[in-house]
N, C-alpha and C. Protein backbone atom coordinates (compact mmCIF):
# COMPACT_ATOMS: atom_id res chain seq x y z
N MET A 1 88.58 95.02 124.26
CA MET A 1 89.80 94.50 124.88
C MET A 1 90.42 93.42 123.98
N VAL A 2 91.72 93.48 123.78
CA VAL A 2 92.43 92.46 123.00
C VAL A 2 93.71 92.12 123.74
N LYS A 3 94.02 90.83 123.78
CA LYS A 3 95.24 90.37 124.44
C LYS A 3 96.29 90.08 123.39
N ILE A 4 97.38 90.81 123.44
CA ILE A 4 98.49 90.64 122.51
C ILE A 4 99.66 90.05 123.30
N GLY A 5 99.93 88.78 123.07
CA GLY A 5 100.89 88.09 123.93
C GLY A 5 100.35 88.01 125.33
N ASN A 6 101.09 88.54 126.29
CA ASN A 6 100.60 88.51 127.68
C ASN A 6 100.11 89.87 128.16
N ILE A 7 99.88 90.80 127.22
CA ILE A 7 99.45 92.15 127.57
C ILE A 7 98.07 92.41 127.00
N GLU A 8 97.16 92.86 127.86
CA GLU A 8 95.83 93.24 127.41
C GLU A 8 95.79 94.75 127.17
N ILE A 9 95.24 95.15 126.03
CA ILE A 9 95.04 96.57 125.75
C ILE A 9 93.58 96.79 125.40
N ASN A 10 93.16 98.03 125.55
CA ASN A 10 91.76 98.37 125.27
C ASN A 10 91.74 99.58 124.33
N PRO A 11 92.06 99.36 123.05
CA PRO A 11 92.15 100.49 122.12
C PRO A 11 90.79 101.12 121.85
N THR A 12 90.81 102.41 121.59
CA THR A 12 89.59 103.09 121.14
C THR A 12 89.59 103.25 119.63
N LYS A 13 90.77 103.10 119.00
CA LYS A 13 90.85 103.27 117.56
C LYS A 13 92.15 102.67 117.03
N ILE A 14 92.13 102.39 115.72
CA ILE A 14 93.30 101.93 114.98
C ILE A 14 93.53 102.95 113.87
N ILE A 15 94.70 103.56 113.87
CA ILE A 15 95.03 104.55 112.85
C ILE A 15 96.15 103.99 111.99
N CYS A 16 95.97 104.02 110.68
CA CYS A 16 96.94 103.44 109.75
C CYS A 16 97.47 104.51 108.80
N LEU A 17 98.76 104.41 108.50
CA LEU A 17 99.36 105.30 107.52
C LEU A 17 99.32 104.67 106.14
N GLY A 18 99.05 105.50 105.15
CA GLY A 18 99.19 105.08 103.77
C GLY A 18 100.38 105.78 103.13
N ARG A 19 100.94 105.16 102.10
CA ARG A 19 102.00 105.79 101.31
C ARG A 19 103.18 106.25 102.17
N ASN A 20 103.71 105.33 102.98
CA ASN A 20 104.83 105.70 103.85
C ASN A 20 106.14 105.02 103.44
N TYR A 21 106.12 104.25 102.34
CA TYR A 21 107.34 103.67 101.77
C TYR A 21 107.37 104.03 100.30
N LEU A 22 108.48 104.58 99.83
CA LEU A 22 108.57 105.05 98.45
C LEU A 22 108.32 103.93 97.45
N ASP A 23 108.86 102.72 97.71
CA ASP A 23 108.69 101.64 96.75
C ASP A 23 107.23 101.21 96.64
N HIS A 24 106.48 101.28 97.75
CA HIS A 24 105.05 100.97 97.70
C HIS A 24 104.29 102.05 96.94
N ILE A 25 104.68 103.29 97.13
CA ILE A 25 104.05 104.39 96.38
C ILE A 25 104.24 104.18 94.89
N GLN A 26 105.45 103.77 94.51
CA GLN A 26 105.75 103.57 93.10
C GLN A 26 104.97 102.40 92.52
N GLU A 27 104.81 101.30 93.30
CA GLU A 27 104.11 100.15 92.75
C GLU A 27 102.61 100.39 92.60
N THR A 28 102.08 101.38 93.32
CA THR A 28 100.66 101.69 93.21
C THR A 28 100.41 102.96 92.39
N ASN A 29 101.48 103.52 91.83
CA ASN A 29 101.36 104.72 90.99
C ASN A 29 100.64 105.86 91.71
N ALA A 30 100.95 106.02 92.98
CA ALA A 30 100.35 107.08 93.79
C ALA A 30 101.31 108.26 93.90
N PRO A 31 100.80 109.44 94.16
CA PRO A 31 101.68 110.59 94.36
C PRO A 31 102.42 110.49 95.69
N ILE A 32 103.62 111.05 95.75
CA ILE A 32 104.39 111.05 96.98
C ILE A 32 103.82 112.12 97.91
N PRO A 33 103.44 111.75 99.13
CA PRO A 33 102.83 112.74 100.03
C PRO A 33 103.86 113.69 100.62
N THR A 34 103.43 114.88 100.92
CA THR A 34 104.28 115.87 101.59
C THR A 34 104.06 115.88 103.09
N GLU A 35 103.05 115.18 103.55
CA GLU A 35 102.77 115.01 104.97
C GLU A 35 102.10 113.66 105.15
N PRO A 36 102.12 113.09 106.37
CA PRO A 36 101.55 111.76 106.56
C PRO A 36 100.09 111.67 106.12
N VAL A 37 99.76 110.54 105.50
CA VAL A 37 98.40 110.25 105.08
C VAL A 37 97.86 109.17 106.02
N PHE A 38 96.74 109.43 106.68
CA PHE A 38 96.24 108.41 107.60
C PHE A 38 94.74 108.18 107.44
N PHE A 39 94.33 106.97 107.84
CA PHE A 39 92.93 106.57 107.82
C PHE A 39 92.70 105.66 109.02
N VAL A 40 91.46 105.28 109.26
CA VAL A 40 91.16 104.46 110.44
C VAL A 40 90.66 103.08 110.02
N LYS A 41 90.97 102.12 110.87
CA LYS A 41 90.34 100.80 110.80
C LYS A 41 89.55 100.62 112.09
N THR A 42 88.53 99.78 112.03
CA THR A 42 87.65 99.60 113.17
C THR A 42 88.05 98.38 114.00
N LEU A 43 87.60 98.35 115.24
CA LEU A 43 88.08 97.36 116.19
C LEU A 43 87.64 95.94 115.85
N ASN A 44 86.56 95.79 115.05
CA ASN A 44 86.12 94.46 114.66
C ASN A 44 87.13 93.74 113.76
N THR A 45 88.09 94.49 113.22
CA THR A 45 89.09 93.87 112.35
C THR A 45 90.14 93.08 113.13
N LEU A 46 90.30 93.34 114.41
CA LEU A 46 91.42 92.78 115.16
C LEU A 46 91.28 91.28 115.41
N VAL A 47 92.33 90.55 115.07
CA VAL A 47 92.50 89.15 115.47
C VAL A 47 93.96 88.97 115.84
N THR A 48 94.23 88.01 116.70
CA THR A 48 95.60 87.82 117.18
C THR A 48 96.22 86.57 116.56
N ASP A 49 97.48 86.35 116.88
CA ASP A 49 98.30 85.32 116.26
C ASP A 49 97.59 83.97 116.21
N ASN A 50 97.64 83.33 115.04
CA ASN A 50 97.09 82.00 114.76
C ASN A 50 95.58 81.97 114.60
N GLN A 51 94.90 83.10 114.72
CA GLN A 51 93.47 83.14 114.40
C GLN A 51 93.31 83.34 112.89
N PRO A 52 92.26 82.80 112.29
CA PRO A 52 92.13 82.87 110.84
C PRO A 52 91.73 84.26 110.34
N ILE A 53 92.14 84.55 109.12
CA ILE A 53 91.63 85.69 108.38
C ILE A 53 90.46 85.18 107.54
N ILE A 54 89.30 85.78 107.73
CA ILE A 54 88.09 85.30 107.05
C ILE A 54 87.90 86.06 105.75
N TYR A 55 87.88 85.31 104.66
CA TYR A 55 87.67 85.88 103.32
C TYR A 55 86.15 86.02 103.11
N PRO A 56 85.62 87.25 103.02
CA PRO A 56 84.17 87.44 102.96
C PRO A 56 83.54 86.82 101.71
N LYS A 57 82.42 86.15 101.89
CA LYS A 57 81.71 85.55 100.76
C LYS A 57 81.26 86.60 99.75
N ILE A 58 80.91 87.78 100.24
CA ILE A 58 80.43 88.83 99.34
C ILE A 58 81.50 89.24 98.34
N LEU A 59 82.76 89.05 98.70
CA LEU A 59 83.86 89.31 97.78
C LEU A 59 84.15 88.09 96.91
N PHE A 60 84.20 86.93 97.53
CA PHE A 60 84.57 85.69 96.84
C PHE A 60 83.61 85.37 95.70
N GLU A 61 82.34 85.68 95.90
CA GLU A 61 81.32 85.30 94.93
C GLU A 61 81.07 86.37 93.87
N ASN A 62 81.80 87.47 93.92
CA ASN A 62 81.62 88.55 92.95
C ASN A 62 82.95 88.76 92.24
N GLU A 63 83.02 88.41 90.95
CA GLU A 63 84.30 88.47 90.22
C GLU A 63 84.85 89.88 90.12
N ASN A 64 83.99 90.88 90.25
CA ASN A 64 84.46 92.27 90.20
C ASN A 64 85.08 92.73 91.52
N LEU A 65 84.86 91.97 92.58
CA LEU A 65 85.37 92.35 93.89
C LEU A 65 86.37 91.34 94.45
N ASN A 66 86.58 90.26 93.72
CA ASN A 66 87.29 89.10 94.28
C ASN A 66 88.81 89.30 94.28
N ARG A 67 89.26 90.23 95.11
CA ARG A 67 90.69 90.35 95.39
C ARG A 67 90.87 90.92 96.80
N VAL A 68 91.62 90.19 97.63
CA VAL A 68 91.96 90.63 98.97
C VAL A 68 93.48 90.63 99.09
N ASP A 69 94.05 91.72 99.59
CA ASP A 69 95.50 91.89 99.65
C ASP A 69 96.02 91.88 101.09
N TYR A 70 97.27 91.48 101.23
CA TYR A 70 98.01 91.59 102.49
C TYR A 70 98.86 92.86 102.46
N GLU A 71 99.13 93.42 103.65
CA GLU A 71 100.07 94.54 103.81
C GLU A 71 100.66 94.42 105.22
N VAL A 72 101.94 94.12 105.34
CA VAL A 72 102.58 94.00 106.64
C VAL A 72 103.08 95.36 107.09
N GLU A 73 102.92 95.65 108.39
CA GLU A 73 103.29 96.95 108.92
C GLU A 73 103.81 96.84 110.35
N LEU A 74 104.71 97.75 110.69
CA LEU A 74 105.10 97.95 112.08
C LEU A 74 104.04 98.84 112.73
N ALA A 75 103.58 98.44 113.91
CA ALA A 75 102.61 99.24 114.65
C ALA A 75 103.17 99.57 116.02
N PHE A 76 102.72 100.67 116.58
CA PHE A 76 103.07 100.98 117.96
C PHE A 76 101.81 101.27 118.76
N ILE A 77 101.92 101.05 120.06
CA ILE A 77 100.79 101.16 120.97
C ILE A 77 100.97 102.40 121.84
N ILE A 78 99.92 103.19 121.95
CA ILE A 78 99.97 104.41 122.76
C ILE A 78 99.92 104.05 124.25
N PHE A 79 100.78 104.69 125.02
CA PHE A 79 100.93 104.39 126.45
C PHE A 79 100.03 105.26 127.33
N GLN A 80 99.81 106.50 126.92
CA GLN A 80 99.00 107.41 127.73
C GLN A 80 98.35 108.44 126.82
N THR A 81 97.26 109.01 127.30
CA THR A 81 96.52 110.00 126.53
C THR A 81 97.45 111.13 126.09
N CYS A 82 97.32 111.51 124.81
CA CYS A 82 98.17 112.59 124.32
C CYS A 82 97.47 113.37 123.23
N LYS A 83 97.78 114.64 123.16
CA LYS A 83 97.26 115.55 122.14
C LYS A 83 98.29 116.66 121.94
N ASN A 84 98.54 116.98 120.69
CA ASN A 84 99.46 118.06 120.35
C ASN A 84 100.85 117.87 120.95
N ILE A 85 101.37 116.65 120.88
CA ILE A 85 102.71 116.42 121.40
C ILE A 85 103.75 116.76 120.33
N LYS A 86 104.98 116.96 120.77
CA LYS A 86 106.08 117.26 119.87
C LYS A 86 106.87 115.99 119.57
N ALA A 87 107.47 115.97 118.39
CA ALA A 87 108.23 114.79 117.98
C ALA A 87 109.31 114.42 118.99
N ARG A 88 109.94 115.41 119.59
CA ARG A 88 111.03 115.13 120.54
C ARG A 88 110.55 114.37 121.78
N SER A 89 109.23 114.43 122.05
CA SER A 89 108.67 113.75 123.23
C SER A 89 107.91 112.48 122.86
N ALA A 90 107.92 112.10 121.59
CA ALA A 90 107.05 111.04 121.11
C ALA A 90 107.23 109.73 121.87
N PHE A 91 108.46 109.33 122.12
CA PHE A 91 108.69 108.02 122.73
C PHE A 91 108.21 107.94 124.17
N ASP A 92 107.93 109.07 124.80
CA ASP A 92 107.35 109.06 126.15
C ASP A 92 105.92 108.55 126.14
N TYR A 93 105.33 108.49 124.96
CA TYR A 93 103.91 108.13 124.85
C TYR A 93 103.70 106.77 124.17
N ILE A 94 104.78 106.04 123.96
CA ILE A 94 104.69 104.75 123.27
C ILE A 94 104.95 103.61 124.25
N GLN A 95 104.00 102.66 124.31
CA GLN A 95 104.14 101.50 125.18
C GLN A 95 105.09 100.46 124.59
N GLY A 96 104.99 100.26 123.28
CA GLY A 96 105.83 99.27 122.63
C GLY A 96 105.39 99.07 121.19
N TYR A 97 105.93 98.00 120.57
CA TYR A 97 105.79 97.79 119.13
C TYR A 97 105.28 96.38 118.85
N THR A 98 104.56 96.25 117.75
CA THR A 98 104.01 94.96 117.37
C THR A 98 103.86 94.90 115.85
N ILE A 99 103.42 93.74 115.35
CA ILE A 99 103.18 93.54 113.92
C ILE A 99 101.70 93.74 113.64
N PHE A 100 101.41 94.38 112.53
CA PHE A 100 100.03 94.59 112.12
C PHE A 100 99.88 94.26 110.65
N LEU A 101 98.78 93.62 110.28
CA LEU A 101 98.45 93.36 108.87
C LEU A 101 97.23 94.20 108.50
N ASP A 102 97.42 95.06 107.53
CA ASP A 102 96.31 95.85 107.00
C ASP A 102 95.74 95.10 105.80
N ILE A 103 94.81 94.20 106.07
CA ILE A 103 94.17 93.41 105.01
C ILE A 103 93.16 94.31 104.30
N THR A 104 93.16 94.24 102.96
CA THR A 104 92.38 95.19 102.16
C THR A 104 91.65 94.48 101.03
N ALA A 105 90.36 94.77 100.90
CA ALA A 105 89.60 94.30 99.73
C ALA A 105 89.94 95.22 98.56
N ARG A 106 90.97 94.85 97.79
CA ARG A 106 91.60 95.78 96.86
C ARG A 106 90.68 96.23 95.73
N ASN A 107 89.97 95.30 95.11
CA ASN A 107 89.09 95.72 94.01
C ASN A 107 87.95 96.58 94.50
N MET A 108 87.43 96.27 95.67
CA MET A 108 86.38 97.11 96.25
C MET A 108 86.93 98.52 96.52
N GLN A 109 88.14 98.58 97.05
CA GLN A 109 88.76 99.87 97.31
C GLN A 109 88.91 100.69 96.02
N LYS A 110 89.41 100.03 94.96
CA LYS A 110 89.60 100.72 93.68
C LYS A 110 88.27 101.19 93.11
N ASN A 111 87.27 100.33 93.17
CA ASN A 111 85.96 100.70 92.64
C ASN A 111 85.39 101.91 93.37
N ASP A 112 85.51 101.91 94.69
CA ASP A 112 84.98 103.02 95.48
C ASP A 112 85.73 104.32 95.18
N ARG A 113 87.05 104.21 95.05
CA ARG A 113 87.84 105.41 94.71
C ARG A 113 87.44 105.97 93.35
N ASN A 114 87.21 105.08 92.39
CA ASN A 114 86.92 105.51 91.02
C ASN A 114 85.63 106.29 90.91
N ILE A 115 84.70 106.06 91.83
CA ILE A 115 83.44 106.80 91.80
C ILE A 115 83.38 107.81 92.96
N HIS A 116 84.57 108.11 93.50
CA HIS A 116 84.73 109.18 94.51
C HIS A 116 83.95 108.90 95.79
N LEU A 117 83.90 107.62 96.15
CA LEU A 117 83.31 107.24 97.43
C LEU A 117 84.41 106.94 98.44
N PRO A 118 84.11 107.04 99.73
CA PRO A 118 85.08 106.63 100.75
C PRO A 118 85.39 105.14 100.60
N TRP A 119 86.61 104.73 100.98
CA TRP A 119 86.95 103.31 100.88
C TRP A 119 87.01 102.66 102.26
N TYR A 120 86.14 103.13 103.13
CA TYR A 120 86.02 102.58 104.49
C TYR A 120 85.73 101.08 104.47
N ARG A 121 84.77 100.66 103.67
CA ARG A 121 84.30 99.27 103.75
C ARG A 121 85.38 98.28 103.31
N SER A 122 86.25 98.66 102.40
CA SER A 122 87.28 97.74 101.91
C SER A 122 88.34 97.42 102.96
N LYS A 123 88.43 98.24 103.97
CA LYS A 123 89.45 98.08 105.01
C LYS A 123 88.91 97.42 106.28
N ASN A 124 87.60 97.31 106.42
CA ASN A 124 87.05 97.04 107.74
C ASN A 124 86.16 95.81 107.86
N PHE A 125 86.38 94.83 107.00
CA PHE A 125 85.72 93.54 107.21
C PHE A 125 86.26 92.90 108.50
N ASP A 126 85.46 92.04 109.10
CA ASP A 126 85.93 91.28 110.27
C ASP A 126 87.24 90.57 109.94
N THR A 127 88.17 90.59 110.87
CA THR A 127 89.48 89.90 110.82
C THR A 127 90.47 90.56 109.89
N PHE A 128 90.19 91.75 109.38
CA PHE A 128 91.10 92.41 108.43
C PHE A 128 92.19 93.23 109.14
N GLY A 129 92.44 92.93 110.43
CA GLY A 129 93.50 93.62 111.16
C GLY A 129 94.26 92.70 112.10
N PRO A 130 94.90 91.64 111.59
CA PRO A 130 95.70 90.77 112.46
C PRO A 130 96.82 91.55 113.16
N ILE A 131 97.09 91.17 114.42
CA ILE A 131 98.07 91.89 115.23
C ILE A 131 98.77 90.92 116.18
N GLY A 132 100.03 91.19 116.49
CA GLY A 132 100.76 90.36 117.46
C GLY A 132 102.20 90.14 117.01
N PRO A 133 102.89 89.12 117.52
CA PRO A 133 102.41 88.16 118.52
C PRO A 133 102.52 88.69 119.94
N ARG A 134 103.21 89.86 120.10
CA ARG A 134 103.39 90.46 121.41
C ARG A 134 103.62 91.95 121.23
N ILE A 135 103.64 92.66 122.33
CA ILE A 135 104.04 94.06 122.32
C ILE A 135 105.46 94.12 122.86
N ALA A 136 106.41 94.39 121.99
CA ALA A 136 107.81 94.48 122.41
C ALA A 136 108.02 95.84 123.05
N PRO A 137 108.48 95.89 124.30
CA PRO A 137 108.63 97.18 124.98
C PRO A 137 109.72 98.03 124.34
N CYS A 138 109.64 99.32 124.56
CA CYS A 138 110.63 100.25 124.01
C CYS A 138 112.04 99.93 124.49
N SER A 139 112.16 99.33 125.67
CA SER A 139 113.48 98.99 126.20
C SER A 139 114.18 97.94 125.34
N GLU A 140 113.41 97.15 124.57
CA GLU A 140 113.98 96.13 123.70
C GLU A 140 114.27 96.66 122.30
N ILE A 141 113.66 97.77 121.95
CA ILE A 141 113.82 98.30 120.59
C ILE A 141 114.19 99.77 120.71
N GLU A 142 115.47 100.03 120.73
CA GLU A 142 115.94 101.40 120.88
C GLU A 142 115.67 102.22 119.62
N ASN A 143 115.74 101.56 118.45
CA ASN A 143 115.53 102.28 117.20
C ASN A 143 114.50 101.56 116.34
N PRO A 144 113.23 101.93 116.46
CA PRO A 144 112.19 101.27 115.65
C PRO A 144 112.27 101.61 114.17
N ASP A 145 113.10 102.60 113.83
CA ASP A 145 113.24 103.00 112.43
C ASP A 145 114.38 102.27 111.74
N ASP A 146 114.72 101.08 112.24
CA ASP A 146 115.73 100.25 111.59
C ASP A 146 115.49 98.79 111.93
N LEU A 147 114.37 98.26 111.43
CA LEU A 147 113.97 96.88 111.70
C LEU A 147 113.63 96.18 110.39
N VAL A 148 114.12 94.96 110.22
CA VAL A 148 113.76 94.16 109.05
C VAL A 148 112.29 93.74 109.15
N ILE A 149 111.55 93.93 108.07
CA ILE A 149 110.12 93.60 108.03
C ILE A 149 109.87 92.69 106.84
N GLN A 150 109.09 91.61 107.07
CA GLN A 150 108.94 90.59 106.03
C GLN A 150 107.56 89.96 106.09
N LEU A 151 107.09 89.53 104.92
CA LEU A 151 105.84 88.76 104.85
C LEU A 151 106.01 87.63 103.85
N LYS A 152 105.53 86.44 104.23
CA LYS A 152 105.52 85.28 103.36
C LYS A 152 104.09 84.81 103.15
N VAL A 153 103.82 84.30 101.95
CA VAL A 153 102.56 83.60 101.67
C VAL A 153 102.91 82.19 101.24
N ASN A 154 102.41 81.21 101.99
CA ASN A 154 102.71 79.80 101.72
C ASN A 154 104.22 79.54 101.62
N GLY A 155 104.96 80.21 102.50
CA GLY A 155 106.40 80.00 102.59
C GLY A 155 107.24 80.80 101.62
N VAL A 156 106.61 81.55 100.73
CA VAL A 156 107.33 82.33 99.71
C VAL A 156 107.37 83.80 100.15
N VAL A 157 108.56 84.39 100.16
CA VAL A 157 108.70 85.78 100.57
C VAL A 157 108.04 86.70 99.54
N LYS A 158 107.14 87.56 100.02
CA LYS A 158 106.44 88.50 99.15
C LYS A 158 106.82 89.95 99.45
N GLN A 159 107.07 90.23 100.72
CA GLN A 159 107.50 91.57 101.12
C GLN A 159 108.76 91.43 101.97
N LEU A 160 109.76 92.25 101.69
CA LEU A 160 111.00 92.25 102.47
C LEU A 160 111.60 93.64 102.40
N SER A 161 111.71 94.29 103.55
CA SER A 161 112.20 95.65 103.57
C SER A 161 112.75 95.96 104.96
N ASN A 162 112.90 97.24 105.24
CA ASN A 162 113.39 97.70 106.53
C ASN A 162 112.64 98.98 106.87
N THR A 163 112.31 99.14 108.14
CA THR A 163 111.55 100.32 108.55
C THR A 163 112.34 101.61 108.36
N LYS A 164 113.63 101.51 108.10
CA LYS A 164 114.42 102.72 107.83
C LYS A 164 113.97 103.41 106.53
N HIS A 165 113.22 102.69 105.71
CA HIS A 165 112.74 103.25 104.45
C HIS A 165 111.42 104.00 104.59
N MET A 166 110.88 104.09 105.80
CA MET A 166 109.66 104.87 105.99
C MET A 166 109.93 106.34 105.67
N LEU A 167 109.04 106.96 104.93
CA LEU A 167 109.18 108.38 104.61
C LEU A 167 109.03 109.23 105.86
N PHE A 168 108.05 108.91 106.68
CA PHE A 168 107.77 109.66 107.90
C PHE A 168 108.07 108.75 109.09
N LYS A 169 109.05 109.14 109.89
CA LYS A 169 109.48 108.34 111.02
C LYS A 169 108.47 108.47 112.17
N ILE A 170 108.57 107.56 113.11
CA ILE A 170 107.56 107.46 114.17
C ILE A 170 107.36 108.77 114.94
N PRO A 171 108.40 109.47 115.36
CA PRO A 171 108.14 110.74 116.08
C PRO A 171 107.34 111.75 115.27
N VAL A 172 107.64 111.84 113.98
CA VAL A 172 106.91 112.77 113.10
C VAL A 172 105.46 112.31 112.95
N VAL A 173 105.28 111.01 112.79
CA VAL A 173 103.93 110.45 112.66
C VAL A 173 103.09 110.77 113.88
N LEU A 174 103.66 110.55 115.06
CA LEU A 174 102.90 110.76 116.29
C LEU A 174 102.60 112.24 116.51
N GLU A 175 103.56 113.10 116.21
CA GLU A 175 103.30 114.54 116.33
C GLU A 175 102.18 114.96 115.38
N TYR A 176 102.22 114.46 114.16
CA TYR A 176 101.23 114.86 113.16
C TYR A 176 99.83 114.36 113.54
N ILE A 177 99.70 113.08 113.84
CA ILE A 177 98.38 112.54 114.16
C ILE A 177 97.80 113.19 115.40
N SER A 178 98.64 113.41 116.41
CA SER A 178 98.13 113.98 117.66
C SER A 178 97.77 115.46 117.51
N SER A 179 98.17 116.08 116.41
CA SER A 179 97.73 117.46 116.18
C SER A 179 96.28 117.51 115.73
N PHE A 180 95.75 116.38 115.28
CA PHE A 180 94.35 116.28 114.85
C PHE A 180 93.46 115.56 115.85
N ILE A 181 94.02 114.52 116.47
CA ILE A 181 93.21 113.56 117.23
C ILE A 181 93.80 113.34 118.61
N THR A 182 92.96 113.29 119.64
CA THR A 182 93.41 112.87 120.95
C THR A 182 93.59 111.36 120.94
N LEU A 183 94.77 110.90 121.29
CA LEU A 183 95.08 109.48 121.33
C LEU A 183 94.97 108.98 122.77
N LYS A 184 94.42 107.78 122.92
CA LYS A 184 94.17 107.20 124.23
C LYS A 184 95.08 106.01 124.47
N ARG A 185 95.25 105.66 125.73
CA ARG A 185 96.03 104.49 126.10
C ARG A 185 95.47 103.25 125.39
N GLY A 186 96.34 102.50 124.73
CA GLY A 186 95.93 101.30 124.02
C GLY A 186 95.65 101.50 122.55
N ASP A 187 95.55 102.74 122.10
CA ASP A 187 95.32 102.98 120.67
C ASP A 187 96.48 102.43 119.84
N ILE A 188 96.16 102.00 118.65
CA ILE A 188 97.12 101.34 117.76
C ILE A 188 97.39 102.25 116.56
N ILE A 189 98.67 102.45 116.26
CA ILE A 189 99.04 103.21 115.07
C ILE A 189 99.95 102.34 114.21
N ALA A 190 99.51 102.07 112.99
CA ALA A 190 100.27 101.26 112.04
C ALA A 190 100.95 102.18 111.04
N THR A 191 102.20 101.87 110.71
CA THR A 191 103.06 102.86 110.05
C THR A 191 103.23 102.68 108.55
N GLY A 192 102.39 101.89 107.92
CA GLY A 192 102.45 101.74 106.47
C GLY A 192 103.21 100.50 106.04
N THR A 193 103.07 100.16 104.77
CA THR A 193 103.63 98.91 104.24
C THR A 193 104.63 99.18 103.12
N PRO A 194 105.65 98.34 103.01
CA PRO A 194 106.57 98.45 101.87
C PRO A 194 105.99 97.78 100.62
N SER A 195 106.77 97.76 99.55
CA SER A 195 106.32 97.17 98.30
C SER A 195 106.17 95.66 98.43
N GLY A 196 105.52 95.09 97.43
CA GLY A 196 105.32 93.64 97.39
C GLY A 196 103.93 93.20 97.74
N ILE A 197 102.99 94.15 97.85
CA ILE A 197 101.62 93.76 98.18
C ILE A 197 101.07 92.85 97.09
N GLY A 198 100.15 91.99 97.50
CA GLY A 198 99.56 91.06 96.55
C GLY A 198 98.34 90.40 97.14
N SER A 199 97.74 89.52 96.39
CA SER A 199 96.46 88.96 96.78
C SER A 199 96.62 87.63 97.52
N ILE A 200 95.59 87.31 98.28
CA ILE A 200 95.49 86.03 98.99
C ILE A 200 94.14 85.40 98.67
N ILE A 201 94.09 84.08 98.84
CA ILE A 201 92.86 83.33 98.62
C ILE A 201 92.66 82.35 99.76
N PRO A 202 91.44 81.85 99.93
CA PRO A 202 91.23 80.85 100.97
C PRO A 202 92.18 79.66 100.82
N GLY A 203 92.74 79.24 101.94
CA GLY A 203 93.72 78.16 101.95
C GLY A 203 95.15 78.65 102.09
N ASP A 204 95.40 79.94 101.79
CA ASP A 204 96.73 80.51 101.95
C ASP A 204 97.08 80.64 103.43
N VAL A 205 98.37 80.60 103.70
CA VAL A 205 98.90 80.85 105.05
C VAL A 205 99.87 82.01 104.98
N ILE A 206 99.59 83.03 105.78
CA ILE A 206 100.43 84.22 105.83
C ILE A 206 101.31 84.16 107.06
N GLU A 207 102.60 84.46 106.88
CA GLU A 207 103.53 84.61 107.99
C GLU A 207 104.16 86.00 107.88
N ALA A 208 103.97 86.82 108.90
CA ALA A 208 104.52 88.16 108.91
C ALA A 208 105.48 88.29 110.08
N SER A 209 106.64 88.87 109.84
CA SER A 209 107.63 88.99 110.90
C SER A 209 108.30 90.36 110.86
N ILE A 210 108.71 90.81 112.05
CA ILE A 210 109.50 92.03 112.18
C ILE A 210 110.61 91.74 113.19
N GLU A 211 111.81 92.13 112.82
CA GLU A 211 112.99 91.95 113.66
C GLU A 211 112.72 92.45 115.09
N LYS A 212 113.14 91.66 116.07
CA LYS A 212 113.05 91.97 117.50
C LYS A 212 111.64 91.88 118.08
N ILE A 213 110.65 91.60 117.21
CA ILE A 213 109.28 91.47 117.70
C ILE A 213 108.81 90.03 117.62
N GLY A 214 108.98 89.39 116.46
CA GLY A 214 108.56 88.00 116.31
C GLY A 214 107.82 87.77 115.02
N LYS A 215 106.88 86.84 115.04
CA LYS A 215 106.17 86.42 113.83
C LYS A 215 104.72 86.11 114.17
N ILE A 216 103.83 86.45 113.26
CA ILE A 216 102.44 86.03 113.36
C ILE A 216 102.10 85.17 112.15
N THR A 217 101.20 84.21 112.37
CA THR A 217 100.80 83.27 111.32
C THR A 217 99.29 83.22 111.26
N HIS A 218 98.74 83.32 110.05
CA HIS A 218 97.29 83.33 109.88
C HIS A 218 96.89 82.57 108.63
N GLU A 219 95.99 81.63 108.78
CA GLU A 219 95.40 80.95 107.63
C GLU A 219 94.22 81.75 107.12
N VAL A 220 94.07 81.79 105.80
CA VAL A 220 92.94 82.46 105.18
C VAL A 220 91.85 81.43 104.95
N ILE A 221 90.66 81.68 105.46
CA ILE A 221 89.55 80.74 105.28
C ILE A 221 88.36 81.47 104.69
N LEU A 222 87.53 80.75 103.95
CA LEU A 222 86.34 81.33 103.35
C LEU A 222 85.25 81.45 104.41
N GLU A 223 84.56 82.56 104.41
CA GLU A 223 83.44 82.78 105.33
C GLU A 223 82.39 81.70 105.15
N GLU A 224 81.91 81.17 106.26
CA GLU A 224 80.89 80.12 106.21
C GLU A 224 79.52 80.74 106.08
N ASP A 225 78.56 79.91 105.64
CA ASP A 225 77.16 80.36 105.53
C ASP A 225 76.60 80.68 106.90
């Protein structure tokens, strides 16, 4: 159970899209997908507004792994169980929208990819999924595919885009994911990040905002002994 603003949800899973903004694809030299690319994050990653992001010691103390990145994303919350839904009905299954940060141990991810291992562990450290500050209902956001999205580190803008640049829009995303997986009430789907990703270190303060939703703020702290 997690409380986002004044709403409690009980997600069974967090599903994230990769490569959903062309400029981000270009900055990472990745191929352009012909269908949505998705992966999962685990529930231990979730923290809400103003809670710290914990920088793992296992990364900080290893120079080959010592890079953690921010990625700001629009997320939506599933309202009711669904499977094999059509894009035209997608909004009937969405409770509302929120901000999500897909924090990633970037060097660990690259190392695992290079030796053809899954990159599960780089995405799923504790606190690597900040979310909030509220769930904006669909009645407040008629068009989620046209929202300004921004992230600052220590007051400096690092990411600035608009959700209209998503390659796969929300109805298509929901139709595609639900063709593989049964989605439950409270499940979280994050829709990918625009360009401008970069690293954070202990002591940094991240501010992520999306038009009509609000802003979340998180200090990065080093894991204690």
